[in-house]
PDB file of N, CA and C in Angstrom:
ATOM      1  N   MET A   1       1.617   2.386  -2.278  1.00  0.00           N
ATOM      2  CA  MET A   1       1.675   1.365  -1.510  1.00  0.00           C
ATOM      3  C   MET A   1       1.847  -0.167  -2.296  1.00  0.00           C
ATOM      4  N   ILE A   2       2.163  -1.153  -1.461  1.00  0.00           N
ATOM      5  CA  ILE A   2       2.444  -2.505  -2.150  1.00  0.00           C
ATOM      6  C   ILE A   2       0.801  -3.263  -1.406  1.00  0.00           C
ATOM      7  N   LYS A   3      -0.273  -3.598  -2.184  1.00  0.00           N
ATOM      8  CA  LYS A   3      -1.046  -4.397  -1.863  1.00  0.00           C
ATOM      9  C   LYS A   3      -1.226  -6.042  -2.144  1.00  0.00           C
ATOM     10  N   ALA A   4      -1.137  -6.294  -0.539  1.00  0.00           N
ATOM     11  CA  ALA A   4      -1.011  -8.022  -0.900  1.00  0.00           C
ATOM     12  C   ALA A   4      -2.570  -8.488  -0.473  1.00  0.00           C
ATOM     13  N   ARG A   5      -3.006  -9.501  -1.180  1.00  0.00           N
ATOM     14  CA  ARG A   5      -4.160 -10.400  -1.262  1.00  0.00           C
ATOM     15  C   ARG A   5      -4.020 -11.729  -1.278  1.00  0.00           C
ATOM     16  N   PHE A   6      -4.363 -12.503  -0.036  1.00  0.00           N
ATOM     17  CA  PHE A   6      -4.732 -13.692  -0.092  1.00  0.00           C
ATOM     18  C   PHE A   6      -5.825 -14.125  -0.266  1.00  0.00           C
ATOM     19  N   THR A   7      -6.322 -15.372  -0.711  1.00  0.00           N
ATOM     20  CA  THR A   7      -7.565 -15.845  -0.617  1.00  0.00           C
ATOM     21  C   THR A   7      -7.565 -17.031  -0.037  1.00  0.00           C
ATOM     22  N   LEU A   8      -8.581 -17.537   1.005  1.00  0.00           N
ATOM     23  CA  LEU A   8      -8.844 -18.972   1.702  1.00  0.00           C
ATOM     24  C   LEU A   8     -10.180 -19.483   1.180  1.00  0.00           C
ATOM     25  N   VAL A   9     -10.315 -20.443   0.966  1.00  0.00           N
ATOM     26  CA  VAL A   9     -11.618 -21.186   0.818  1.00  0.00           C
ATOM     27  C   VAL A   9     -11.599 -22.486   1.040  1.00  0.00           C
ATOM     28  N   ASN A  10     -12.445 -22.368   2.232  1.00  0.00           N
ATOM     29  CA  ASN A  10     -12.574 -23.984   2.533  1.00  0.00           C
ATOM     30  C   ASN A  10     -11.271 -24.333   3.558  1.00  0.00           C
ATOM     31  N   GLY A  11     -10.572 -23.353   3.877  1.00  0.00           N
ATOM     32  CA  GLY A  11      -9.633 -23.694   4.902  1.00  0.00           C
ATOM     33  C   GLY A  11      -7.818 -24.072   3.918  1.00  0.00           C
ATOM     34  N   HIS A  12      -8.052 -23.724   2.638  1.00  0.00           N
ATOM     35  CA  HIS A  12      -7.072 -23.678   1.683  1.00  0.00           C
ATOM     36  C   HIS A  12      -6.572 -22.331   0.890  1.00  0.00           C
ATOM     37  N   TYR A  13      -5.476 -22.349   1.148  1.00  0.00           N
ATOM     38  CA  TYR A  13      -5.197 -21.055   0.163  1.00  0.00           C
ATOM     39  C   TYR A  13      -5.219 -21.401  -1.070  1.00  0.00           C
ATOM     40  N   VAL A  14      -6.187 -20.408  -1.930  1.00  0.00           N
ATOM     41  CA  VAL A  14      -6.361 -20.583  -3.691  1.00  0.00           C
ATOM     42  C   VAL A  14      -5.771 -19.944  -4.132  1.00  0.00           C
ATOM     43  N   SER A  15      -5.422 -18.538  -3.785  1.00  0.00           N
ATOM     44  CA  SER A  15      -4.341 -17.456  -4.842  1.00  0.00           C
ATOM     45  C   SER A  15      -3.881 -16.784  -3.633  1.00  0.00           C
ATOM     46  N   PHE A  16      -3.048 -15.860  -4.095  1.00  0.00           N
ATOM     47  CA  PHE A  16      -2.315 -14.799  -3.835  1.00  0.00           C
ATOM     48  C   PHE A  16      -1.960 -13.736  -4.626  1.00  0.00           C
ATOM     49  N   SER A  17      -1.982 -12.278  -4.181  1.00  0.00           N
ATOM     50  CA  SER A  17      -1.467 -11.123  -5.245  1.00  0.00           C
ATOM     51  C   SER A  17      -0.762  -9.797  -4.455  1.00  0.00           C
ATOM     52  N   PHE A  18       0.252  -9.454  -5.701  1.00  0.00           N
ATOM     53  CA  PHE A  18       0.843  -8.485  -4.696  1.00  0.00           C
ATOM     54  C   PHE A  18       0.938  -7.651  -6.025  1.00  0.00           C
ATOM     55  N   GLU A  19       0.403  -6.010  -5.487  1.00  0.00           N
ATOM     56  CA  GLU A  19       0.359  -5.106  -6.667  1.00  0.00           C
ATOM     57  C   GLU A  19       0.520  -3.847  -6.107  1.00  0.00           C
ATOM     58  N   GLY A  20       1.535  -3.004  -6.960  1.00  0.00           N
ATOM     59  CA  GLY A  20       1.912  -1.851  -6.543  1.00  0.00           C
ATOM     60  C   GLY A  20       3.060  -1.618  -6.202  1.00  0.00           C
ATOM     61  N   HIS A  21       3.493  -0.450  -5.653  1.00  0.00           N
ATOM     62  CA  HIS A  21       5.163   0.072  -5.272  1.00  0.00           C
ATOM     63  C   HIS A  21       5.067   0.478  -4.102  1.00  0.00           C
ATOM     64  N   SER A  22       6.178   0.124  -2.870  1.00  0.00           N
ATOM     65  CA  SER A  22       6.065   0.697  -2.072  1.00  0.00           C
ATOM     66  C   SER A  22       6.238   1.888  -1.694  1.00  0.00           C
ATOM     67  N   GLU A  23       6.911   2.588  -2.414  1.00  0.00           N
ATOM     68  CA  GLU A  23       7.484   4.043  -2.278  1.00  0.00           C
ATOM     69  C   GLU A  23       8.296   4.432  -1.090  1.00  0.00           C
ATOM     70  N   PHE A  24       8.769   3.300  -0.712  1.00  0.00           N
ATOM     71  CA  PHE A  24       9.747   3.542   0.722  1.00  0.00           C
ATOM     72  C   PHE A  24      11.139   4.344   0.158  1.00  0.00           C
ATOM     73  N   ASP A  25      11.382   4.084  -1.143  1.00  0.00           N
ATOM     74  CA  ASP A  25      12.630   4.790  -1.593  1.00  0.00           C
ATOM     75  C   ASP A  25      12.909   4.415  -3.159  1.00  0.00           C
ATOM     76  N   ALA A  26      13.794   5.021  -4.290  1.00  0.00           N
ATOM     77  CA  ALA A  26      14.094   5.237  -5.202  1.00  0.00           C
ATOM     78  C   ALA A  26      14.566   3.713  -5.664  1.00  0.00           C
ATOM     79  N   LYS A  27      14.042   3.399  -6.942  1.00  0.00           N
ATOM     80  CA  LYS A  27      14.052   2.213  -7.336  1.00  0.00           C
ATOM     81  C   LYS A  27      15.880   1.860  -7.290  1.00  0.00           C
ATOM     82  N   GLY A  28      15.808   0.291  -6.842  1.00  0.00           N
ATOM     83  CA  GLY A  28      17.135  -0.285  -6.746  1.00  0.00           C
ATOM     84  C   GLY A  28      17.400  -0.188  -5.536  1.00  0.00           C
ATOM     85  N   ARG A  29      17.021   0.861  -4.374  1.00  0.00           N
ATOM     86  CA  ARG A  29      17.121   1.010  -3.154  1.00  0.00           C
ATOM     87  C   ARG A  29      16.298   0.752  -2.089  1.00  0.00           C
ATOM     88  N   ASP A  30      14.599   0.445  -2.843  1.00  0.00           N
ATOM     89  CA  ASP A  30      14.277   0.137  -1.767  1.00  0.00           C
ATOM     90  C   ASP A  30      13.601  -1.034  -1.241  1.00  0.00           C
ATOM     91  N   ILE A  31      14.217  -1.008  -0.083  1.00  0.00           N
ATOM     92  CA  ILE A  31      14.256  -2.282   0.747  1.00  0.00           C
ATOM     93  C   ILE A  31      12.946  -3.074   1.225  1.00  0.00           C
ATOM     94  N   VAL A  32      12.147  -2.634   1.405  1.00  0.00           N
ATOM     95  CA  VAL A  32      10.628  -3.004   1.439  1.00  0.00           C
ATOM     96  C   VAL A  32      10.072  -3.689   0.141  1.00  0.00           C
ATOM     97  N   CYS A  33      10.251  -3.042  -1.377  1.00  0.00           N
ATOM     98  CA  CYS A  33       9.939  -3.704  -2.549  1.00  0.00           C
ATOM     99  C   CYS A  33      11.062  -5.055  -2.650  1.00  0.00           C
ATOM    100  N   ALA A  34      12.127  -4.815  -2.379  1.00  0.00           N
ATOM    101  CA  ALA A  34      13.015  -5.685  -2.530  1.00  0.00           C
ATOM    102  C   ALA A  34      12.620  -7.147  -1.802  1.00  0.00           C
ATOM    103  N   ALA A  35      12.592  -7.089  -0.504  1.00  0.00           N
ATOM    104  CA  ALA A  35      12.112  -8.092   0.462  1.00  0.00           C
ATOM    105  C   ALA A  35      10.928  -8.238  -0.098  1.00  0.00           C
ATOM    106  N   ILE A  36       9.546  -7.900  -0.672  1.00  0.00           N
ATOM    107  CA  ILE A  36       8.446  -8.600  -0.874  1.00  0.00           C
ATOM    108  C   ILE A  36       8.664  -9.014  -2.333  1.00  0.00           C
ATOM    109  N   SER A  37       9.257  -8.808  -3.240  1.00  0.00           N
ATOM    110  CA  SER A  37       9.543  -8.949  -4.334  1.00  0.00           C
ATOM    111  C   SER A  37      10.227 -10.222  -4.546  1.00  0.00           C
ATOM    112  N   ALA A  38      11.457 -10.755  -3.433  1.00  0.00           N
ATOM    113  CA  ALA A  38      11.948 -11.854  -3.497  1.00  0.00           C
ATOM    114  C   ALA A  38      10.836 -12.950  -2.561  1.00  0.00           C
ATOM    115  N   LEU A  39      10.503 -12.661  -1.483  1.00  0.00           N
ATOM    116  CA  LEU A  39      10.044 -13.612  -1.368  1.00  0.00           C
ATOM    117  C   LEU A  39       8.586 -14.154  -1.999  1.00  0.00           C
ATOM    118  N   ALA A  40       7.704 -12.957  -2.809  1.00  0.00           N
ATOM    119  CA  ALA A  40       6.694 -13.922  -3.611  1.00  0.00           C
ATOM    120  C   ALA A  40       7.138 -14.274  -4.824  1.00  0.00           C
ATOM    121  N   GLN A  41       8.263 -14.171  -5.159  1.00  0.00           N
ATOM    122  CA  GLN A  41       8.817 -14.273  -6.543  1.00  0.00           C
ATOM    123  C   GLN A  41       9.022 -15.913  -6.452  1.00  0.00           C
ATOM    124  N   HIS A  42       9.743 -16.167  -5.158  1.00  0.00           N
ATOM    125  CA  HIS A  42      10.426 -17.456  -4.515  1.00  0.00           C
ATOM    126  C   HIS A  42       9.087 -18.540  -4.354  1.00  0.00           C
ATOM    127  N   THR A  43       8.367 -18.133  -3.605  1.00  0.00           N
ATOM    128  CA  THR A  43       7.123 -18.621  -3.129  1.00  0.00           C
ATOM    129  C   THR A  43       6.021 -19.153  -4.747  1.00  0.00           C
ATOM    130  N   ALA A  44       6.127 -17.915  -5.535  1.00  0.00           N
ATOM    131  CA  ALA A  44       5.204 -18.510  -6.928  1.00  0.00           C
ATOM    132  C   ALA A  44       6.104 -19.635  -7.477  1.00  0.00           C
ATOM    133  N   ARG A  45       7.622 -19.447  -7.814  1.00  0.00           N
ATOM    134  CA  ARG A  45       8.145 -20.208  -8.514  1.00  0.00           C
ATOM    135  C   ARG A  45       7.928 -22.001  -8.093  1.00  0.00           C
ATOM    136  N   MET A  46       8.136 -22.094  -6.513  1.00  0.00           N
ATOM    137  CA  MET A  46       7.935 -23.218  -5.870  1.00  0.00           C
ATOM    138  C   MET A  46       6.480 -23.457  -6.151  1.00  0.00           C
ATOM    139  N   LEU A  47       5.573 -22.961  -6.109  1.00  0.00           N
ATOM    140  CA  LEU A  47       4.062 -23.439  -6.449  1.00  0.00           C
ATOM    141  C   LEU A  47       3.631 -24.099  -7.461  1.00  0.00           C
ATOM    142  N   ALA A  48       4.802 -22.823  -8.343  1.00  0.00           N
ATOM    143  CA  ALA A  48       4.557 -23.768 -10.028  1.00  0.00           C
ATOM    144  C   ALA A  48       5.420 -24.385 -10.074  1.00  0.00           C
ATOM    145  N   GLU A  49       6.226 -25.124  -9.728  1.00  0.00           N
ATOM    146  CA  GLU A  49       7.255 -26.325 -10.193  1.00  0.00           C
ATOM    147  C   GLU A  49       6.418 -27.355  -9.087  1.00  0.00           C
ATOM    148  N   HIS A  50       5.876 -27.281  -8.180  1.00  0.00           N
ATOM    149  CA  HIS A  50       5.203 -28.158  -7.240  1.00  0.00           C
ATOM    150  C   HIS A  50       4.243 -28.780  -6.813  1.00  0.00           C
ATOM    151  N   CYS A  51       3.702 -27.365  -7.347  1.00  0.00           N
ATOM    152  CA  CYS A  51       2.064 -27.757  -7.330  1.00  0.00           C
ATOM    153  C   CYS A  51       1.198 -27.075  -8.335  1.00  0.00           C
ATOM    154  N   GLY A  52       1.819 -27.166  -9.398  1.00  0.00           N
ATOM    155  CA  GLY A  52       1.013 -26.522 -10.450  1.00  0.00           C
ATOM    156  C   GLY A  52       0.205 -25.062 -10.376  1.00  0.00           C
ATOM    157  N   ALA A  53       0.926 -24.392  -9.675  1.00  0.00           N
ATOM    158  CA  ALA A  53      -0.110 -22.711 -10.003  1.00  0.00           C
ATOM    159  C   ALA A  53       0.637 -22.429 -11.103  1.00  0.00           C
ATOM    160  N   ILE A  54      -0.940 -21.442 -11.391  1.00  0.00           N
ATOM    161  CA  ILE A  54      -0.577 -20.299 -12.489  1.00  0.00           C
ATOM    162  C   ILE A  54       0.021 -19.281 -11.708  1.00  0.00           C
ATOM    163  N   VAL A  55       1.121 -18.560 -12.974  1.00  0.00           N
ATOM    164  CA  VAL A  55       1.546 -17.430 -12.359  1.00  0.00           C
ATOM    165  C   VAL A  55       1.328 -16.172 -13.542  1.00  0.00           C
ATOM    166  N   GLU A  56       0.880 -15.309 -13.030  1.00  0.00           N
ATOM    167  CA  GLU A  56       0.793 -14.263 -14.010  1.00  0.00           C
ATOM    168  C   GLU A  56       1.573 -13.111 -13.285  1.00  0.00           C
ATOM    169  N   LYS A  57       2.587 -12.540 -13.944  1.00  0.00           N
ATOM    170  CA  LYS A  57       3.407 -11.397 -13.643  1.00  0.00           C
ATOM    171  C   LYS A  57       3.110 -10.132 -14.818  1.00  0.00           C
ATOM    172  N   GLY A  58       3.154  -8.972 -14.472  1.00  0.00           N
ATOM    173  CA  GLY A  58       2.994  -7.913 -14.711  1.00  0.00           C
ATOM    174  C   GLY A  58       4.037  -6.915 -14.285  1.00  0.00           C
ATOM    175  N   SER A  59       3.754  -5.803 -14.550  1.00  0.00           N
ATOM    176  CA  SER A  59       4.249  -4.377 -14.371  1.00  0.00           C
ATOM    177  C   SER A  59       3.778  -3.888 -12.901  1.00  0.00           C
ATOM    178  N   ALA A  60       4.971  -4.171 -11.905  1.00  0.00           N
ATOM    179  CA  ALA A  60       4.659  -3.910 -10.180  1.00  0.00           C
ATOM    180  C   ALA A  60       3.341  -4.856  -9.829  1.00  0.00           C
ATOM    181  N   ARG A  61       3.196  -6.532 -10.328  1.00  0.00           N
ATOM    182  CA  ARG A  61       2.037  -6.935 -10.209  1.00  0.00           C
ATOM    183  C   ARG A  61       2.637  -8.751 -10.589  1.00  0.00           C
ATOM    184  N   LEU A  62       1.849  -9.422  -9.407  1.00  0.00           N
ATOM    185  CA  LEU A  62       2.138 -10.494  -9.700  1.00  0.00           C
ATOM    186  C   LEU A  62       0.974 -11.568  -8.750  1.00  0.00           C
ATOM    187  N   LYS A  63       0.780 -12.636  -9.833  1.00  0.00           N
ATOM    188  CA  LYS A  63      -0.926 -13.194  -8.848  1.00  0.00           C
ATOM    189  C   LYS A  63      -0.606 -14.320  -9.252  1.00  0.00           C
ATOM    190  N   VAL A  64      -1.064 -15.136  -8.434  1.00  0.00           N
ATOM    191  CA  VAL A  64      -0.791 -16.679  -8.149  1.00  0.00           C
ATOM    192  C   VAL A  64      -2.090 -17.402  -7.841  1.00  0.00           C
ATOM    193  N   GLU A  65      -2.506 -18.374  -8.702  1.00  0.00           N
ATOM    194  CA  GLU A  65      -3.882 -19.176  -8.356  1.00  0.00           C
ATOM    195  C   GLU A  65      -3.534 -20.641  -8.109  1.00  0.00           C
ATOM    196  N   LEU A  66      -4.388 -21.697  -7.452  1.00  0.00           N
ATOM    197  CA  LEU A  66      -4.198 -22.636  -7.683  1.00  0.00           C
ATOM    198  C   LEU A  66      -5.331 -23.763  -7.786  1.00  0.00           C
ATOM    199  N   ALA A  67      -5.519 -24.417  -8.587  1.00  0.00           N
ATOM    200  CA  ALA A  67      -7.036 -25.371  -8.687  1.00  0.00           C
ATOM    201  C   ALA A  67      -6.873 -26.190  -7.605  1.00  0.00           C
ATOM    202  N   GLN A  68      -5.669 -26.702  -7.189  1.00  0.00           N
ATOM    203  CA  GLN A  68      -5.634 -27.799  -6.221  1.00  0.00           C
ATOM    204  C   GLN A  68      -5.086 -27.661  -5.467  1.00  0.00           C
ATOM    205  N   PRO A  69      -5.189 -26.940  -4.415  1.00  0.00           N
ATOM    206  CA  PRO A  69      -4.432 -26.325  -2.932  1.00  0.00           C
ATOM    207  C   PRO A  69      -4.416 -27.700  -2.484  1.00  0.00           C
ATOM    208  N   ASN A  70      -3.068 -28.030  -1.690  1.00  0.00           N
ATOM    209  CA  ASN A  70      -2.203 -29.091  -1.295  1.00  0.00           C
ATOM    210  C   ASN A  70      -1.780 -28.863   0.271  1.00  0.00           C
ATOM    211  N   GLU A  71      -1.143 -29.965   0.990  1.00  0.00           N
ATOM    212  CA  GLU A  71      -0.574 -29.634   2.112  1.00  0.00           C
ATOM    213  C   GLU A  71       0.578 -28.717   1.960  1.00  0.00           C
ATOM    214  N   LEU A  72       1.609 -29.132   0.935  1.00  0.00           N
ATOM    215  CA  LEU A  72       2.411 -28.075   0.248  1.00  0.00           C
ATOM    216  C   LEU A  72       2.057 -26.906  -0.030  1.00  0.00           C
ATOM    217  N   SER A  73       1.151 -26.621  -0.595  1.00  0.00           N
ATOM    218  CA  SER A  73       0.837 -24.855  -1.150  1.00  0.00           C
ATOM    219  C   SER A  73       0.444 -24.266  -0.036  1.00  0.00           C
ATOM    220  N   ASP A  74      -0.562 -24.783   0.747  1.00  0.00           N
ATOM    221  CA  ASP A  74      -1.163 -24.137   2.180  1.00  0.00           C
ATOM    222  C   ASP A  74       0.265 -23.742   2.958  1.00  0.00           C
ATOM    223  N   LEU A  75       1.322 -24.753   3.147  1.00  0.00           N
ATOM    224  CA  LEU A  75       2.553 -24.442   4.156  1.00  0.00           C
ATOM    225  C   LEU A  75       3.519 -23.317   3.421  1.00  0.00           C
ATOM    226  N   LEU A  76       3.610 -23.425   2.146  1.00  0.00           N
ATOM    227  CA  LEU A  76       4.471 -22.393   1.039  1.00  0.00           C
ATOM    228  C   LEU A  76       3.768 -20.822   1.369  1.00  0.00           C
ATOM    229  N   ILE A  77       2.253 -20.614   1.311  1.00  0.00           N
ATOM    230  CA  ILE A  77       1.468 -19.743   1.124  1.00  0.00           C
ATOM    231  C   ILE A  77       1.271 -18.934   2.457  1.00  0.00           C
ATOM    232  N   GLU A  78       1.011 -20.041   3.420  1.00  0.00           N
ATOM    233  CA  GLU A  78       1.005 -19.675   5.009  1.00  0.00           C
ATOM    234  C   GLU A  78       2.513 -18.956   5.162  1.00  0.00           C
ATOM    235  N   GLU A  79       3.802 -19.108   5.167  1.00  0.00           N
ATOM    236  CA  GLU A  79       4.877 -18.827   5.424  1.00  0.00           C
ATOM    237  C   GLU A  79       4.701 -17.287   4.810  1.00  0.00           C
ATOM    238  N   LEU A  80       4.570 -17.674   3.319  1.00  0.00           N
ATOM    239  CA  LEU A  80       4.797 -16.048   2.828  1.00  0.00           C
ATOM    240  C   LEU A  80       3.797 -15.198   3.190  1.00  0.00           C
ATOM    241  N   TYR A  81       2.861 -15.555   3.509  1.00  0.00           N
ATOM    242  CA  TYR A  81       1.383 -14.448   4.422  1.00  0.00           C
ATOM    243  C   TYR A  81       2.209 -14.031   5.997  1.00  0.00           C
ATOM    244  N   ARG A  82       2.791 -15.080   6.603  1.00  0.00           N
ATOM    245  CA  ARG A  82       3.197 -14.440   7.879  1.00  0.00           C
ATOM    246  C   ARG A  82       4.826 -13.814   7.685  1.00  0.00           C
ATOM    247  N   SER A  83       5.873 -13.848   6.414  1.00  0.00           N
ATOM    248  CA  SER A  83       6.700 -12.977   6.529  1.00  0.00           C
ATOM    249  C   SER A  83       6.294 -11.681   5.845  1.00  0.00           C
ATOM    250  N   VAL A  84       5.060 -11.443   5.034  1.00  0.00           N
ATOM    251  CA  VAL A  84       4.772 -10.135   4.534  1.00  0.00           C
ATOM    252  C   VAL A  84       4.291  -9.566   5.587  1.00  0.00           C
ATOM    253  N   ASP A  85       3.383 -10.471   6.385  1.00  0.00           N
ATOM    254  CA  ASP A  85       2.832  -9.393   7.751  1.00  0.00           C
ATOM    255  C   ASP A  85       3.446  -9.067   8.674  1.00  0.00           C
ATOM    256  N   ASN A  86       4.593  -9.790   8.757  1.00  0.00           N
ATOM    257  CA  ASN A  86       5.882  -9.197   9.561  1.00  0.00           C
ATOM    258  C   ASN A  86       6.619  -8.058   9.133  1.00  0.00           C
ATOM    259  N   ILE A  87       6.698  -7.875   7.691  1.00  0.00           N
ATOM    260  CA  ILE A  87       7.155  -6.588   7.265  1.00  0.00           C
ATOM    261  C   ILE A  87       6.102  -5.651   6.896  1.00  0.00           C
ATOM    262  N   LYS A  88       5.031  -5.988   6.763  1.00  0.00           N
ATOM    263  CA  LYS A  88       3.830  -4.896   7.097  1.00  0.00           C
ATOM    264  C   LYS A  88       4.028  -4.093   8.337  1.00  0.00           C
ATOM    265  N   SER A  89       4.220  -4.874   9.714  1.00  0.00           N
ATOM    266  CA  SER A  89       4.357  -4.455  10.896  1.00  0.00           C
ATOM    267  C   SER A  89       5.262  -3.282  11.238  1.00  0.00           C
ATOM    268  N   GLN A  90       6.349  -3.627  10.043  1.00  0.00           N
ATOM    269  CA  GLN A  90       7.404  -2.417  10.514  1.00  0.00           C
ATOM    270  C   GLN A  90       7.526  -1.493   9.218  1.00  0.00           C
ATOM    271  N   TYR A  91       6.772  -1.711   8.615  1.00  0.00           N
ATOM    272  CA  TYR A  91       6.404  -0.725   7.226  1.00  0.00           C
ATOM    273  C   TYR A  91       4.738  -0.858   6.889  1.00  0.00           C
ATOM    274  N   PRO A  92       3.950  -0.309   7.889  1.00  0.00           N
ATOM    275  CA  PRO A  92       2.542   0.096   7.438  1.00  0.00           C
ATOM    276  C   PRO A  92       2.234   0.931   6.480  1.00  0.00           C
ATOM    277  N   GLN A  93       3.114   2.315   6.491  1.00  0.00           N
ATOM    278  CA  GLN A  93       2.681   3.156   4.950  1.00  0.00           C
ATOM    279  C   GLN A  93       3.196   2.515   3.980  1.00  0.00           C
ATOM    280  N   ASN A  94       3.764   1.599   3.963  1.00  0.00           N
ATOM    281  CA  ASN A  94       4.113   0.988   2.327  1.00  0.00           C
ATOM    282  C   ASN A  94       3.591  -0.348   2.026  1.00  0.00           C
ATOM    283  N   LEU A  95       3.010  -0.702   2.904  1.00  0.00           N
ATOM    284  CA  LEU A  95       2.369  -2.378   2.481  1.00  0.00           C
ATOM    285  C   LEU A  95       1.280  -2.485   3.397  1.00  0.00           C
ATOM    286  N   SER A  96       0.012  -2.876   2.641  1.00  0.00           N
ATOM    287  CA  SER A  96      -1.158  -3.588   3.188  1.00  0.00           C
ATOM    288  C   SER A  96      -1.533  -5.133   2.916  1.00  0.00           C
ATOM    289  N   VAL A  97      -1.596  -5.710   4.017  1.00  0.00           N
ATOM    290  CA  VAL A  97      -1.926  -7.187   3.874  1.00  0.00           C
ATOM    291  C   VAL A  97      -3.506  -7.142   3.689  1.00  0.00           C
ATOM    292  N   GLU A  98      -4.362  -8.534   3.344  1.00  0.00           N
ATOM    293  CA  GLU A  98      -5.654  -8.780   3.316  1.00  0.00           C
ATOM    294  C   GLU A  98      -5.701 -10.014   3.044  1.00  0.00           C
ATOM    295  N   VAL A  99      -6.495 -10.631   4.096  1.00  0.00           N
ATOM    296  CA  VAL A  99      -6.695 -12.269   3.596  1.00  0.00           C
ATOM    297  C   VAL A  99      -8.343 -12.366   3.445  1.00  0.00           C
ATOM    298  N   LYS A 100      -8.613 -12.750   2.295  1.00  0.00           N
ATOM    299  CA  LYS A 100     -10.380 -13.125   1.835  1.00  0.00           C
ATOM    300  C   LYS A 100     -10.585 -14.479   2.652  1.00  0.00           C
ATOM    301  N   ILE A 101     -11.243 -14.673   3.432  1.00  0.00           N
ATOM    302  CA  ILE A 101     -11.865 -16.114   3.749  1.00  0.00           C
ATOM    303  C   ILE A 101     -13.207 -16.039   3.368  1.00  0.00           C
ATOM    304  N   ASN A 102     -13.449 -17.119   2.512  1.00  0.00           N
ATOM    305  CA  ASN A 102     -14.648 -17.358   1.741  1.00  0.00           C
ATOM    306  C   ASN A 102     -14.800 -18.744   2.206  1.00  0.00           C
ATOM    307  N   GLU A 103     -16.314 -18.814   3.141  1.00  0.00           N
ATOM    308  CA  GLU A 103     -16.256 -20.108   3.701  1.00  0.00           C
ATOM    309  C   GLU A 103     -17.932 -20.257   3.580  1.00  0.00           C
ATOM    310  N   ASN A 104     -18.460 -21.294   2.565  1.00  0.00           N
ATOM    311  CA  ASN A 104     -19.808 -21.587   2.688  1.00  0.00           C
ATOM    312  C   ASN A 104     -20.239 -20.478   2.223  1.00  0.00           C
ATOM    313  N   ARG A 105     -19.731 -19.537   0.782  1.00  0.00           N
ATOM    314  CA  ARG A 105     -20.638 -18.885   0.311  1.00  0.00           C
ATOM    315  C   ARG A 105     -20.274 -17.414   1.078  1.00  0.00           C
ATOM    316  N   HIS A 106     -19.993 -17.163   2.553  1.00  0.00           N
ATOM    317  CA  HIS A 106     -19.764 -16.214   3.185  1.00  0.00           C
ATOM    318  C   HIS A 106     -18.322 -15.667   3.228  1.00  0.00           C
ATOM    319  N   THR A 107     -18.278 -14.347   2.873  1.00  0.00           N
ATOM    320  CA  THR A 107     -16.882 -13.834   2.522  1.00  0.00           C
ATOM    321  C   THR A 107     -16.516 -12.831   3.567  1.00  0.00           C
ATOM    322  N   VAL A 108     -15.442 -13.408   4.572  1.00  0.00           N
ATOM    323  CA  VAL A 108     -14.642 -12.521   5.733  1.00  0.00           C
ATOM    324  C   VAL A 108     -13.718 -11.607   4.686  1.00  0.00           C
ATOM    325  N   VAL A 109     -13.330 -10.696   5.021  1.00  0.00           N
ATOM    326  CA  VAL A 109     -12.018  -9.906   4.873  1.00  0.00           C
ATOM    327  C   VAL A 109     -11.449  -9.330   6.044  1.00  0.00           C
ATOM    328  N   ARG A 110     -10.254  -9.970   6.536  1.00  0.00           N
ATOM    329  CA  ARG A 110      -9.220  -9.288   7.401  1.00  0.00           C
ATOM    330  C   ARG A 110      -8.035  -8.643   6.723  1.00  0.00           C
ATOM    331  N   SER A 111      -7.707  -7.943   7.534  1.00  0.00           N
ATOM    332  CA  SER A 111      -6.533  -6.780   7.312  1.00  0.00           C
ATOM    333  C   SER A 111      -6.016  -6.412   8.283  1.00  0.00           C
TER     334      SER A 111
END
């Protein structure tokens, strides 16, 4: 299962990460993995080029962090979240999505 995690602090997205394999089909034929990978990598590239995001890539892993989120980064990450959440509704056994909301030192997690 791919685990997608988004973090909001004081109303701004400050990070997101993807980890794991969807296990929908064999490598090269896995439409869930291909869709998530394309969306996540596109958003990560845009955030790195236009918002100064730090991007870490590894085997079946992508992590993006923003030191100074702004209107553009919030828009890009919100669209990524909506797209990923839509895919999750179609393939709930292959993808989980979690949003961690940290407001005033109180953390709320919605899945």
